[in-house]
Protein backbone atom coordinates (compact mmCIF):
# COMPACT_ATOMS: atom_id res chain seq x y z
CA UNK A 1 0.00 0.00 0.00
CA UNK A 2 1.31 3.44 -0.93
CA UNK A 3 2.18 5.62 2.05
CA UNK A 4 1.43 9.24 1.18
CA UNK A 5 4.18 11.70 2.13
CA UNK A 6 3.00 14.75 4.08
CA UNK A 7 6.26 16.32 5.35
CA UNK A 8 8.66 18.59 3.51
CA UNK A 9 12.11 19.92 4.31
CA UNK A 10 12.58 23.39 2.85
CA UNK A 11 16.12 24.71 2.45
CA UNK A 12 16.09 28.41 3.38
CA UNK A 13 19.49 28.96 5.02
CA UNK A 14 21.63 30.54 2.29
CA UNK A 15 22.39 34.20 1.80
CA UNK A 16 21.74 34.20 -1.96
CA UNK A 17 25.04 35.85 -2.81
CA UNK A 18 24.12 36.13 -6.51
CA UNK A 19 20.90 37.96 -5.71
CA UNK A 20 22.36 41.45 -5.69
CA UNK A 21 19.57 43.46 -4.10
CA UNK A 22 20.77 46.68 -2.46
CA UNK A 23 19.60 45.74 1.06
CA UNK A 24 21.41 42.35 1.11
CA UNK A 25 18.27 40.82 2.60
CA UNK A 26 17.63 37.13 2.14
CA UNK A 27 16.11 36.70 -1.30
CA UNK A 28 13.44 34.51 0.26
CA UNK A 29 11.95 37.70 1.73
CA UNK A 30 11.75 39.28 -1.73
CA UNK A 31 8.25 39.67 -3.18
CA UNK A 32 7.40 37.75 -6.33
CA UNK A 33 4.21 39.21 -7.78
CA UNK A 34 3.41 40.64 -4.37
CA UNK A 35 4.11 37.48 -2.34
CA UNK A 36 7.45 36.62 -0.68
CA UNK A 37 9.31 33.83 -2.49
CA UNK A 38 9.44 31.59 0.61
CA UNK A 39 5.69 31.95 1.16
CA UNK A 40 5.05 30.93 -2.44
CA UNK A 41 7.08 27.77 -1.82
CA UNK A 42 5.15 27.01 1.37
CA UNK A 43 1.82 27.62 -0.35
CA UNK A 44 2.69 25.36 -3.28
CA UNK A 45 3.82 22.62 -0.89
CA UNK A 46 0.62 22.90 1.14
CA UNK A 47 -1.55 22.78 -1.97
CA UNK A 48 0.31 19.62 -3.04
CA UNK A 49 -0.51 17.91 0.26
CA UNK A 50 2.32 18.84 2.64
CA UNK A 51 1.07 19.35 6.19
CA UNK A 52 4.37 19.68 8.11
CA UNK A 53 7.23 21.84 6.86
CA UNK A 54 10.69 21.65 8.40
CA UNK A 55 12.39 24.90 7.38
CA UNK A 56 16.18 25.03 7.59
CA UNK A 57 17.31 28.56 8.42
CA UNK A 58 20.71 30.21 8.68
CA UNK A 59 21.29 33.64 7.12
CA UNK A 60 18.88 36.18 8.67
CA UNK A 61 17.32 33.23 10.48
CA UNK A 62 14.99 35.26 12.70
CA UNK A 63 13.57 37.27 9.80
CA UNK A 64 13.04 34.18 7.67
CA UNK A 65 11.41 32.36 10.58
CA UNK A 66 9.12 35.32 11.36
CA UNK A 67 8.01 35.51 7.73
CA UNK A 68 7.13 31.81 7.68
CA UNK A 69 5.32 31.94 11.01
CA UNK A 70 3.16 34.90 10.01
CA UNK A 71 2.50 33.93 6.39
CA UNK A 72 2.37 30.13 6.17
CA UNK A 73 -0.91 28.58 4.98
CA UNK A 74 -3.46 27.87 7.71
CA UNK A 75 -3.25 24.26 8.88
CA UNK A 76 0.45 23.85 8.02
CA UNK A 77 2.65 22.86 10.97
CA UNK A 78 6.08 24.52 10.95
CA UNK A 79 9.31 23.23 12.46
CA UNK A 80 12.68 24.97 12.25
CA UNK A 81 16.21 23.60 12.07
CA UNK A 82 19.22 25.93 12.26
CA UNK A 83 22.25 25.45 10.04
CA UNK A 84 25.11 27.44 11.64
CA UNK A 85 27.28 26.48 8.65
CA UNK A 86 24.97 28.14 6.14
CA UNK A 87 27.92 29.49 4.16
CA UNK A 88 28.64 25.92 3.06
CA UNK A 89 26.75 24.09 0.30
CA UNK A 90 23.10 23.03 0.56
CA UNK A 91 23.84 19.43 1.53
CA UNK A 92 24.83 20.72 4.97
CA UNK A 93 21.45 22.43 5.28
CA UNK A 94 19.67 19.19 4.39
CA UNK A 95 21.63 17.36 7.10
CA UNK A 96 20.50 19.94 9.67
CA UNK A 97 16.93 18.59 9.34
CA UNK A 98 17.90 14.99 10.06
CA UNK A 99 16.75 14.78 13.69
CA UNK A 100 13.36 16.32 12.95
CA UNK A 101 12.69 14.08 9.94
CA UNK A 102 13.64 10.84 11.67
CA UNK A 103 12.89 7.71 9.63
CA UNK A 104 10.04 9.19 7.59
CA UNK A 105 9.95 9.77 3.85
CA UNK A 106 9.85 13.48 3.04
CA UNK A 107 9.77 15.96 0.22
CA UNK A 108 12.75 18.28 -0.07
CA UNK A 109 12.30 21.68 -1.68
CA UNK A 110 14.48 24.69 -2.35
CA UNK A 111 13.13 27.83 -0.71
CA UNK A 112 13.96 29.83 -3.83
CA UNK A 113 12.38 27.46 -6.39
CA UNK A 114 8.84 28.18 -7.55
CA UNK A 115 6.90 25.21 -8.91
CA UNK A 116 3.39 24.09 -9.77
CA UNK A 117 1.76 22.08 -6.95
CA UNK A 118 0.55 19.15 -9.14
CA UNK A 119 4.19 18.22 -9.83
CA UNK A 120 4.86 17.57 -6.16
CA UNK A 121 1.37 16.20 -5.48
CA UNK A 122 1.90 13.37 -7.95
CA UNK A 123 5.31 12.53 -6.45
CA UNK A 124 3.89 12.39 -2.92
CA UNK A 125 1.48 9.64 -3.98
CA UNK A 126 3.79 7.46 -6.10
CA UNK A 127 4.30 3.88 -4.97
CA UNK A 128 8.06 3.37 -4.59
CA UNK A 129 10.40 1.01 -2.76
CA UNK A 130 11.26 2.07 0.83
CA UNK A 131 14.82 3.13 -0.06
CA UNK A 132 13.96 4.74 -3.39
CA UNK A 133 13.92 8.53 -3.90
CA UNK A 134 12.45 10.75 -6.61
CA UNK A 135 13.53 13.91 -8.42
CA UNK A 136 11.25 15.96 -10.66
CA UNK A 137 13.09 16.55 -13.94
CA UNK A 138 12.44 18.78 -16.92
CA UNK A 139 13.24 16.98 -20.18
CA UNK A 140 12.20 19.82 -22.52
CA UNK A 141 14.84 21.35 -24.81
CA UNK A 142 16.57 24.42 -23.35
CA UNK A 143 19.00 27.04 -24.58
CA UNK A 144 22.71 26.74 -23.89
CA UNK A 145 22.41 29.66 -21.45
CA UNK A 146 19.65 27.91 -19.50
CA UNK A 147 21.60 24.66 -19.40
CA UNK A 148 24.74 26.43 -18.21
CA UNK A 149 22.87 27.78 -15.17
CA UNK A 150 21.05 24.56 -14.28
CA UNK A 151 21.94 21.34 -12.50
CA UNK A 152 21.65 18.59 -15.10
CA UNK A 153 20.86 14.88 -14.90
CA UNK A 154 21.40 11.81 -17.04
CA UNK A 155 18.98 8.91 -16.84
CA UNK A 156 18.99 5.25 -17.78
CA UNK A 157 15.72 3.36 -17.74
CA UNK A 158 14.11 6.11 -15.72
CA UNK A 159 16.76 6.02 -13.01
CA UNK A 160 19.15 8.91 -12.52
CA UNK A 161 22.72 7.79 -13.10
CA UNK A 162 24.52 11.16 -13.03
CA UNK A 163 23.85 14.68 -11.74
CA UNK A 164 25.82 17.92 -11.70
CA UNK A 165 26.08 21.48 -12.95
CA UNK A 166 29.03 20.58 -15.16
CA UNK A 167 27.50 17.43 -16.65
CA UNK A 168 28.22 17.41 -20.39
CA UNK A 169 26.08 14.39 -21.32
CA UNK A 170 22.58 14.95 -19.93
CA UNK A 171 18.94 14.48 -20.89
CA UNK A 172 17.03 16.58 -18.35
CA UNK A 173 17.32 19.37 -15.79
CA UNK A 174 17.02 19.05 -12.01
CA UNK A 175 14.02 21.16 -10.87
CA UNK A 176 14.90 21.04 -7.17
CA UNK A 177 11.72 19.15 -6.21
CA UNK A 178 12.52 15.85 -4.48
CA UNK A 179 10.87 13.10 -2.44
CA UNK A 180 13.52 11.30 -0.41
CA UNK A 181 13.89 8.17 1.64
CA UNK A 182 15.69 8.99 4.93
CA UNK A 183 18.63 7.07 3.49
CA UNK A 184 19.52 10.44 1.93
CA UNK A 185 21.19 11.49 5.18
CA UNK A 186 23.63 8.57 5.04
CA UNK A 187 24.36 9.48 1.42
CA UNK A 188 25.02 13.12 2.37
CA UNK A 189 27.41 12.02 5.11
CA UNK A 190 29.25 9.79 2.65
CA UNK A 191 29.53 12.67 0.15
CA UNK A 192 30.76 15.06 2.84
CA UNK A 193 33.44 12.57 3.87
CA UNK A 194 34.68 12.84 0.27
CA UNK A 195 34.76 16.65 0.50
CA UNK A 196 31.44 17.28 -1.28
CA UNK A 197 28.88 19.24 0.79
CA UNK A 198 26.31 19.69 -1.99
CA UNK A 199 22.89 18.08 -2.10
CA UNK A 200 23.85 16.81 -5.55
CA UNK A 201 26.75 14.98 -3.91
CA UNK A 202 24.28 13.01 -1.81
CA UNK A 203 22.12 12.35 -4.86
CA UNK A 204 25.19 11.03 -6.69
CA UNK A 205 25.68 8.53 -3.86
CA UNK A 206 22.07 7.39 -4.26
CA UNK A 207 22.44 7.21 -8.05
CA UNK A 208 25.43 4.88 -7.74
CA UNK A 209 23.17 2.49 -5.84
CA UNK A 210 20.27 2.81 -8.28
CA UNK A 211 18.10 4.46 -5.64
CA UNK A 212 16.82 7.63 -7.33
CA UNK A 213 14.37 7.93 -10.18
CA UNK A 214 13.47 10.88 -12.38
CA UNK A 215 9.84 11.98 -12.65
CA UNK A 216 9.16 14.17 -15.70
CA UNK A 217 7.17 17.36 -15.10
CA UNK A 218 5.77 17.63 -18.64
CA UNK A 219 4.81 21.22 -19.46
CA UNK A 220 4.68 22.47 -15.86
CA UNK A 221 6.34 25.79 -15.01
CA UNK A 222 9.18 26.02 -12.51
CA UNK A 223 11.65 28.79 -11.72
CA UNK A 224 14.98 28.78 -9.90
CA UNK A 225 15.51 32.31 -8.58
CA UNK A 226 19.23 32.99 -8.14
CA UNK A 227 19.45 36.54 -9.51
CA UNK A 228 17.34 39.65 -9.99
CA UNK A 229 17.06 38.67 -13.66
CA UNK A 230 15.68 35.29 -12.60
CA UNK A 231 13.09 37.10 -10.49
CA UNK A 232 11.98 39.16 -13.49
CA UNK A 233 11.79 36.01 -15.62
CA UNK A 234 9.72 34.26 -12.95
CA UNK A 235 7.28 37.16 -12.82
CA UNK A 236 6.94 36.98 -16.58
CA UNK A 237 6.47 33.19 -16.56
CA UNK A 238 3.88 33.36 -13.81
CA UNK A 239 1.83 36.01 -15.55
CA UNK A 240 2.84 39.45 -14.35
CA UNK A 241 0.61 42.10 -15.87
CA UNK A 242 2.16 44.04 -18.72
CA UNK A 243 3.46 47.51 -17.95
C-alpha atoms as a PDB file:
ATOM      1  CA  UNK A   1       0.000   0.000   0.000  1.00  0.00           C
ATOM      2  CA  UNK A   2       1.305   3.437  -0.930  1.00  0.00           C
ATOM      3  CA  UNK A   3       2.176   5.624   2.049  1.00  0.00           C
ATOM      4  CA  UNK A   4       1.428   9.238   1.178  1.00  0.00           C
ATOM      5  CA  UNK A   5       4.179  11.702   2.129  1.00  0.00           C
ATOM      6  CA  UNK A   6       2.998  14.749   4.079  1.00  0.00           C
ATOM      7  CA  UNK A   7       6.260  16.317   5.349  1.00  0.00           C
ATOM      8  CA  UNK A   8       8.665  18.589   3.508  1.00  0.00           C
ATOM      9  CA  UNK A   9      12.113  19.920   4.312  1.00  0.00           C
ATOM     10  CA  UNK A  10      12.577  23.390   2.849  1.00  0.00           C
ATOM     11  CA  UNK A  11      16.119  24.711   2.450  1.00  0.00           C
ATOM     12  CA  UNK A  12      16.091  28.405   3.384  1.00  0.00           C
ATOM     13  CA  UNK A  13      19.491  28.955   5.024  1.00  0.00           C
ATOM     14  CA  UNK A  14      21.630  30.535   2.292  1.00  0.00           C
ATOM     15  CA  UNK A  15      22.390  34.201   1.803  1.00  0.00           C
ATOM     16  CA  UNK A  16      21.735  34.196  -1.963  1.00  0.00           C
ATOM     17  CA  UNK A  17      25.043  35.845  -2.810  1.00  0.00           C
ATOM     18  CA  UNK A  18      24.125  36.129  -6.511  1.00  0.00           C
ATOM     19  CA  UNK A  19      20.897  37.956  -5.712  1.00  0.00           C
ATOM     20  CA  UNK A  20      22.357  41.449  -5.688  1.00  0.00           C
ATOM     21  CA  UNK A  21      19.573  43.456  -4.105  1.00  0.00           C
ATOM     22  CA  UNK A  22      20.772  46.684  -2.460  1.00  0.00           C
ATOM     23  CA  UNK A  23      19.596  45.740   1.058  1.00  0.00           C
ATOM     24  CA  UNK A  24      21.407  42.346   1.105  1.00  0.00           C
ATOM     25  CA  UNK A  25      18.266  40.818   2.604  1.00  0.00           C
ATOM     26  CA  UNK A  26      17.634  37.126   2.136  1.00  0.00           C
ATOM     27  CA  UNK A  27      16.113  36.702  -1.301  1.00  0.00           C
ATOM     28  CA  UNK A  28      13.436  34.510   0.259  1.00  0.00           C
ATOM     29  CA  UNK A  29      11.947  37.700   1.730  1.00  0.00           C
ATOM     30  CA  UNK A  30      11.752  39.279  -1.732  1.00  0.00           C
ATOM     31  CA  UNK A  31       8.250  39.672  -3.178  1.00  0.00           C
ATOM     32  CA  UNK A  32       7.400  37.753  -6.328  1.00  0.00           C
ATOM     33  CA  UNK A  33       4.208  39.210  -7.777  1.00  0.00           C
ATOM     34  CA  UNK A  34       3.413  40.640  -4.369  1.00  0.00           C
ATOM     35  CA  UNK A  35       4.113  37.480  -2.336  1.00  0.00           C
ATOM     36  CA  UNK A  36       7.451  36.620  -0.684  1.00  0.00           C
ATOM     37  CA  UNK A  37       9.315  33.832  -2.488  1.00  0.00           C
ATOM     38  CA  UNK A  38       9.435  31.592   0.607  1.00  0.00           C
ATOM     39  CA  UNK A  39       5.689  31.950   1.164  1.00  0.00           C
ATOM     40  CA  UNK A  40       5.048  30.926  -2.441  1.00  0.00           C
ATOM     41  CA  UNK A  41       7.081  27.774  -1.819  1.00  0.00           C
ATOM     42  CA  UNK A  42       5.151  27.008   1.373  1.00  0.00           C
ATOM     43  CA  UNK A  43       1.823  27.616  -0.348  1.00  0.00           C
ATOM     44  CA  UNK A  44       2.691  25.361  -3.282  1.00  0.00           C
ATOM     45  CA  UNK A  45       3.817  22.625  -0.889  1.00  0.00           C
ATOM     46  CA  UNK A  46       0.616  22.905   1.144  1.00  0.00           C
ATOM     47  CA  UNK A  47      -1.547  22.783  -1.972  1.00  0.00           C
ATOM     48  CA  UNK A  48       0.311  19.619  -3.036  1.00  0.00           C
ATOM     49  CA  UNK A  49      -0.511  17.914   0.263  1.00  0.00           C
ATOM     50  CA  UNK A  50       2.319  18.844   2.637  1.00  0.00           C
ATOM     51  CA  UNK A  51       1.074  19.355   6.187  1.00  0.00           C
ATOM     52  CA  UNK A  52       4.366  19.683   8.113  1.00  0.00           C
ATOM     53  CA  UNK A  53       7.235  21.843   6.855  1.00  0.00           C
ATOM     54  CA  UNK A  54      10.688  21.650   8.401  1.00  0.00           C
ATOM     55  CA  UNK A  55      12.388  24.896   7.378  1.00  0.00           C
ATOM     56  CA  UNK A  56      16.178  25.026   7.588  1.00  0.00           C
ATOM     57  CA  UNK A  57      17.309  28.563   8.418  1.00  0.00           C
ATOM     58  CA  UNK A  58      20.714  30.215   8.676  1.00  0.00           C
ATOM     59  CA  UNK A  59      21.294  33.642   7.122  1.00  0.00           C
ATOM     60  CA  UNK A  60      18.882  36.180   8.665  1.00  0.00           C
ATOM     61  CA  UNK A  61      17.322  33.233  10.481  1.00  0.00           C
ATOM     62  CA  UNK A  62      14.993  35.263  12.699  1.00  0.00           C
ATOM     63  CA  UNK A  63      13.567  37.269   9.796  1.00  0.00           C
ATOM     64  CA  UNK A  64      13.037  34.177   7.672  1.00  0.00           C
ATOM     65  CA  UNK A  65      11.405  32.365  10.580  1.00  0.00           C
ATOM     66  CA  UNK A  66       9.123  35.315  11.362  1.00  0.00           C
ATOM     67  CA  UNK A  67       8.013  35.507   7.726  1.00  0.00           C
ATOM     68  CA  UNK A  68       7.132  31.814   7.684  1.00  0.00           C
ATOM     69  CA  UNK A  69       5.316  31.939  11.008  1.00  0.00           C
ATOM     70  CA  UNK A  70       3.161  34.896  10.010  1.00  0.00           C
ATOM     71  CA  UNK A  71       2.505  33.929   6.391  1.00  0.00           C
ATOM     72  CA  UNK A  72       2.368  30.131   6.167  1.00  0.00           C
ATOM     73  CA  UNK A  73      -0.911  28.578   4.978  1.00  0.00           C
ATOM     74  CA  UNK A  74      -3.463  27.873   7.712  1.00  0.00           C
ATOM     75  CA  UNK A  75      -3.251  24.263   8.877  1.00  0.00           C
ATOM     76  CA  UNK A  76       0.448  23.848   8.016  1.00  0.00           C
ATOM     77  CA  UNK A  77       2.649  22.865  10.975  1.00  0.00           C
ATOM     78  CA  UNK A  78       6.081  24.518  10.954  1.00  0.00           C
ATOM     79  CA  UNK A  79       9.311  23.234  12.461  1.00  0.00           C
ATOM     80  CA  UNK A  80      12.684  24.967  12.253  1.00  0.00           C
ATOM     81  CA  UNK A  81      16.211  23.598  12.068  1.00  0.00           C
ATOM     82  CA  UNK A  82      19.218  25.928  12.257  1.00  0.00           C
ATOM     83  CA  UNK A  83      22.248  25.452  10.041  1.00  0.00           C
ATOM     84  CA  UNK A  84      25.108  27.436  11.641  1.00  0.00           C
ATOM     85  CA  UNK A  85      27.284  26.479   8.648  1.00  0.00           C
ATOM     86  CA  UNK A  86      24.970  28.140   6.135  1.00  0.00           C
ATOM     87  CA  UNK A  87      27.922  29.494   4.158  1.00  0.00           C
ATOM     88  CA  UNK A  88      28.641  25.922   3.057  1.00  0.00           C
ATOM     89  CA  UNK A  89      26.754  24.093   0.303  1.00  0.00           C
ATOM     90  CA  UNK A  90      23.104  23.030   0.557  1.00  0.00           C
ATOM     91  CA  UNK A  91      23.844  19.429   1.529  1.00  0.00           C
ATOM     92  CA  UNK A  92      24.829  20.716   4.972  1.00  0.00           C
ATOM     93  CA  UNK A  93      21.448  22.426   5.284  1.00  0.00           C
ATOM     94  CA  UNK A  94      19.672  19.193   4.392  1.00  0.00           C
ATOM     95  CA  UNK A  95      21.630  17.361   7.095  1.00  0.00           C
ATOM     96  CA  UNK A  96      20.496  19.944   9.666  1.00  0.00           C
ATOM     97  CA  UNK A  97      16.929  18.586   9.340  1.00  0.00           C
ATOM     98  CA  UNK A  98      17.899  14.993  10.063  1.00  0.00           C
ATOM     99  CA  UNK A  99      16.752  14.775  13.692  1.00  0.00           C
ATOM    100  CA  UNK A 100      13.357  16.324  12.950  1.00  0.00           C
ATOM    101  CA  UNK A 101      12.687  14.078   9.940  1.00  0.00           C
ATOM    102  CA  UNK A 102      13.643  10.837  11.668  1.00  0.00           C
ATOM    103  CA  UNK A 103      12.886   7.708   9.633  1.00  0.00           C
ATOM    104  CA  UNK A 104      10.041   9.186   7.589  1.00  0.00           C
ATOM    105  CA  UNK A 105       9.952   9.773   3.846  1.00  0.00           C
ATOM    106  CA  UNK A 106       9.849  13.476   3.040  1.00  0.00           C
ATOM    107  CA  UNK A 107       9.771  15.962   0.218  1.00  0.00           C
ATOM    108  CA  UNK A 108      12.753  18.285  -0.074  1.00  0.00           C
ATOM    109  CA  UNK A 109      12.302  21.684  -1.676  1.00  0.00           C
ATOM    110  CA  UNK A 110      14.481  24.693  -2.351  1.00  0.00           C
ATOM    111  CA  UNK A 111      13.131  27.833  -0.705  1.00  0.00           C
ATOM    112  CA  UNK A 112      13.960  29.825  -3.833  1.00  0.00           C
ATOM    113  CA  UNK A 113      12.381  27.460  -6.385  1.00  0.00           C
ATOM    114  CA  UNK A 114       8.843  28.180  -7.547  1.00  0.00           C
ATOM    115  CA  UNK A 115       6.905  25.206  -8.914  1.00  0.00           C
ATOM    116  CA  UNK A 116       3.393  24.094  -9.772  1.00  0.00           C
ATOM    117  CA  UNK A 117       1.762  22.075  -6.950  1.00  0.00           C
ATOM    118  CA  UNK A 118       0.552  19.153  -9.141  1.00  0.00           C
ATOM    119  CA  UNK A 119       4.186  18.222  -9.830  1.00  0.00           C
ATOM    120  CA  UNK A 120       4.855  17.567  -6.159  1.00  0.00           C
ATOM    121  CA  UNK A 121       1.374  16.203  -5.483  1.00  0.00           C
ATOM    122  CA  UNK A 122       1.902  13.368  -7.954  1.00  0.00           C
ATOM    123  CA  UNK A 123       5.305  12.526  -6.455  1.00  0.00           C
ATOM    124  CA  UNK A 124       3.893  12.391  -2.919  1.00  0.00           C
ATOM    125  CA  UNK A 125       1.485   9.636  -3.979  1.00  0.00           C
ATOM    126  CA  UNK A 126       3.794   7.462  -6.096  1.00  0.00           C
ATOM    127  CA  UNK A 127       4.302   3.881  -4.972  1.00  0.00           C
ATOM    128  CA  UNK A 128       8.064   3.369  -4.595  1.00  0.00           C
ATOM    129  CA  UNK A 129      10.404   1.014  -2.764  1.00  0.00           C
ATOM    130  CA  UNK A 130      11.259   2.072   0.833  1.00  0.00           C
ATOM    131  CA  UNK A 131      14.824   3.134  -0.057  1.00  0.00           C
ATOM    132  CA  UNK A 132      13.963   4.743  -3.388  1.00  0.00           C
ATOM    133  CA  UNK A 133      13.921   8.525  -3.899  1.00  0.00           C
ATOM    134  CA  UNK A 134      12.448  10.747  -6.610  1.00  0.00           C
ATOM    135  CA  UNK A 135      13.528  13.911  -8.419  1.00  0.00           C
ATOM    136  CA  UNK A 136      11.252  15.963 -10.656  1.00  0.00           C
ATOM    137  CA  UNK A 137      13.089  16.553 -13.937  1.00  0.00           C
ATOM    138  CA  UNK A 138      12.435  18.778 -16.924  1.00  0.00           C
ATOM    139  CA  UNK A 139      13.241  16.981 -20.180  1.00  0.00           C
ATOM    140  CA  UNK A 140      12.199  19.818 -22.518  1.00  0.00           C
ATOM    141  CA  UNK A 141      14.835  21.355 -24.809  1.00  0.00           C
ATOM    142  CA  UNK A 142      16.571  24.420 -23.350  1.00  0.00           C
ATOM    143  CA  UNK A 143      19.005  27.038 -24.585  1.00  0.00           C
ATOM    144  CA  UNK A 144      22.712  26.739 -23.890  1.00  0.00           C
ATOM    145  CA  UNK A 145      22.409  29.659 -21.449  1.00  0.00           C
ATOM    146  CA  UNK A 146      19.646  27.905 -19.497  1.00  0.00           C
ATOM    147  CA  UNK A 147      21.595  24.660 -19.400  1.00  0.00           C
ATOM    148  CA  UNK A 148      24.745  26.431 -18.211  1.00  0.00           C
ATOM    149  CA  UNK A 149      22.875  27.778 -15.167  1.00  0.00           C
ATOM    150  CA  UNK A 150      21.052  24.557 -14.276  1.00  0.00           C
ATOM    151  CA  UNK A 151      21.937  21.344 -12.502  1.00  0.00           C
ATOM    152  CA  UNK A 152      21.647  18.594 -15.098  1.00  0.00           C
ATOM    153  CA  UNK A 153      20.863  14.875 -14.899  1.00  0.00           C
ATOM    154  CA  UNK A 154      21.401  11.815 -17.043  1.00  0.00           C
ATOM    155  CA  UNK A 155      18.977   8.906 -16.836  1.00  0.00           C
ATOM    156  CA  UNK A 156      18.990   5.247 -17.776  1.00  0.00           C
ATOM    157  CA  UNK A 157      15.719   3.359 -17.740  1.00  0.00           C
ATOM    158  CA  UNK A 158      14.114   6.114 -15.716  1.00  0.00           C
ATOM    159  CA  UNK A 159      16.760   6.015 -13.013  1.00  0.00           C
ATOM    160  CA  UNK A 160      19.148   8.911 -12.524  1.00  0.00           C
ATOM    161  CA  UNK A 161      22.722   7.788 -13.099  1.00  0.00           C
ATOM    162  CA  UNK A 162      24.520  11.157 -13.032  1.00  0.00           C
ATOM    163  CA  UNK A 163      23.845  14.682 -11.745  1.00  0.00           C
ATOM    164  CA  UNK A 164      25.824  17.917 -11.697  1.00  0.00           C
ATOM    165  CA  UNK A 165      26.078  21.484 -12.947  1.00  0.00           C
ATOM    166  CA  UNK A 166      29.033  20.577 -15.158  1.00  0.00           C
ATOM    167  CA  UNK A 167      27.501  17.429 -16.648  1.00  0.00           C
ATOM    168  CA  UNK A 168      28.222  17.409 -20.387  1.00  0.00           C
ATOM    169  CA  UNK A 169      26.084  14.393 -21.320  1.00  0.00           C
ATOM    170  CA  UNK A 170      22.585  14.948 -19.925  1.00  0.00           C
ATOM    171  CA  UNK A 171      18.944  14.478 -20.890  1.00  0.00           C
ATOM    172  CA  UNK A 172      17.027  16.581 -18.351  1.00  0.00           C
ATOM    173  CA  UNK A 173      17.323  19.371 -15.786  1.00  0.00           C
ATOM    174  CA  UNK A 174      17.020  19.046 -12.012  1.00  0.00           C
ATOM    175  CA  UNK A 175      14.022  21.160 -10.875  1.00  0.00           C
ATOM    176  CA  UNK A 176      14.898  21.044  -7.166  1.00  0.00           C
ATOM    177  CA  UNK A 177      11.724  19.146  -6.208  1.00  0.00           C
ATOM    178  CA  UNK A 178      12.518  15.845  -4.478  1.00  0.00           C
ATOM    179  CA  UNK A 179      10.868  13.104  -2.440  1.00  0.00           C
ATOM    180  CA  UNK A 180      13.516  11.297  -0.410  1.00  0.00           C
ATOM    181  CA  UNK A 181      13.890   8.175   1.643  1.00  0.00           C
ATOM    182  CA  UNK A 182      15.692   8.993   4.930  1.00  0.00           C
ATOM    183  CA  UNK A 183      18.631   7.070   3.491  1.00  0.00           C
ATOM    184  CA  UNK A 184      19.518  10.442   1.931  1.00  0.00           C
ATOM    185  CA  UNK A 185      21.191  11.486   5.179  1.00  0.00           C
ATOM    186  CA  UNK A 186      23.634   8.571   5.042  1.00  0.00           C
ATOM    187  CA  UNK A 187      24.358   9.485   1.417  1.00  0.00           C
ATOM    188  CA  UNK A 188      25.022  13.116   2.369  1.00  0.00           C
ATOM    189  CA  UNK A 189      27.414  12.023   5.115  1.00  0.00           C
ATOM    190  CA  UNK A 190      29.249   9.793   2.648  1.00  0.00           C
ATOM    191  CA  UNK A 191      29.532  12.674   0.153  1.00  0.00           C
ATOM    192  CA  UNK A 192      30.757  15.056   2.841  1.00  0.00           C
ATOM    193  CA  UNK A 193      33.444  12.565   3.871  1.00  0.00           C
ATOM    194  CA  UNK A 194      34.682  12.840   0.275  1.00  0.00           C
ATOM    195  CA  UNK A 195      34.756  16.648   0.495  1.00  0.00           C
ATOM    196  CA  UNK A 196      31.436  17.280  -1.279  1.00  0.00           C
ATOM    197  CA  UNK A 197      28.884  19.240   0.792  1.00  0.00           C
ATOM    198  CA  UNK A 198      26.314  19.688  -1.990  1.00  0.00           C
ATOM    199  CA  UNK A 199      22.885  18.080  -2.095  1.00  0.00           C
ATOM    200  CA  UNK A 200      23.853  16.808  -5.550  1.00  0.00           C
ATOM    201  CA  UNK A 201      26.752  14.978  -3.911  1.00  0.00           C
ATOM    202  CA  UNK A 202      24.279  13.011  -1.812  1.00  0.00           C
ATOM    203  CA  UNK A 203      22.125  12.350  -4.860  1.00  0.00           C
ATOM    204  CA  UNK A 204      25.194  11.025  -6.691  1.00  0.00           C
ATOM    205  CA  UNK A 205      25.679   8.534  -3.862  1.00  0.00           C
ATOM    206  CA  UNK A 206      22.065   7.389  -4.260  1.00  0.00           C
ATOM    207  CA  UNK A 207      22.443   7.214  -8.048  1.00  0.00           C
ATOM    208  CA  UNK A 208      25.434   4.882  -7.737  1.00  0.00           C
ATOM    209  CA  UNK A 209      23.174   2.493  -5.840  1.00  0.00           C
ATOM    210  CA  UNK A 210      20.266   2.808  -8.280  1.00  0.00           C
ATOM    211  CA  UNK A 211      18.096   4.461  -5.638  1.00  0.00           C
ATOM    212  CA  UNK A 212      16.825   7.629  -7.325  1.00  0.00           C
ATOM    213  CA  UNK A 213      14.371   7.926 -10.177  1.00  0.00           C
ATOM    214  CA  UNK A 214      13.468  10.884 -12.378  1.00  0.00           C
ATOM    215  CA  UNK A 215       9.835  11.983 -12.651  1.00  0.00           C
ATOM    216  CA  UNK A 216       9.162  14.175 -15.700  1.00  0.00           C
ATOM    217  CA  UNK A 217       7.166  17.358 -15.096  1.00  0.00           C
ATOM    218  CA  UNK A 218       5.768  17.631 -18.636  1.00  0.00           C
ATOM    219  CA  UNK A 219       4.809  21.218 -19.461  1.00  0.00           C
ATOM    220  CA  UNK A 220       4.677  22.466 -15.856  1.00  0.00           C
ATOM    221  CA  UNK A 221       6.341  25.788 -15.014  1.00  0.00           C
ATOM    222  CA  UNK A 222       9.183  26.020 -12.509  1.00  0.00           C
ATOM    223  CA  UNK A 223      11.652  28.794 -11.725  1.00  0.00           C
ATOM    224  CA  UNK A 224      14.982  28.775  -9.896  1.00  0.00           C
ATOM    225  CA  UNK A 225      15.509  32.306  -8.581  1.00  0.00           C
ATOM    226  CA  UNK A 226      19.225  32.991  -8.141  1.00  0.00           C
ATOM    227  CA  UNK A 227      19.450  36.535  -9.508  1.00  0.00           C
ATOM    228  CA  UNK A 228      17.343  39.646  -9.988  1.00  0.00           C
ATOM    229  CA  UNK A 229      17.064  38.672 -13.657  1.00  0.00           C
ATOM    230  CA  UNK A 230      15.685  35.292 -12.598  1.00  0.00           C
ATOM    231  CA  UNK A 231      13.088  37.102 -10.490  1.00  0.00           C
ATOM    232  CA  UNK A 232      11.975  39.164 -13.487  1.00  0.00           C
ATOM    233  CA  UNK A 233      11.795  36.015 -15.625  1.00  0.00           C
ATOM    234  CA  UNK A 234       9.717  34.260 -12.952  1.00  0.00           C
ATOM    235  CA  UNK A 235       7.285  37.163 -12.819  1.00  0.00           C
ATOM    236  CA  UNK A 236       6.936  36.984 -16.584  1.00  0.00           C
ATOM    237  CA  UNK A 237       6.465  33.186 -16.564  1.00  0.00           C
ATOM    238  CA  UNK A 238       3.882  33.356 -13.805  1.00  0.00           C
ATOM    239  CA  UNK A 239       1.834  36.005 -15.549  1.00  0.00           C
ATOM    240  CA  UNK A 240       2.842  39.446 -14.348  1.00  0.00           C
ATOM    241  CA  UNK A 241       0.606  42.096 -15.867  1.00  0.00           C
ATOM    242  CA  UNK A 242       2.162  44.041 -18.725  1.00  0.00           C
ATOM    243  CA  UNK A 243       3.455  47.506 -17.951  1.00  0.00           C
END
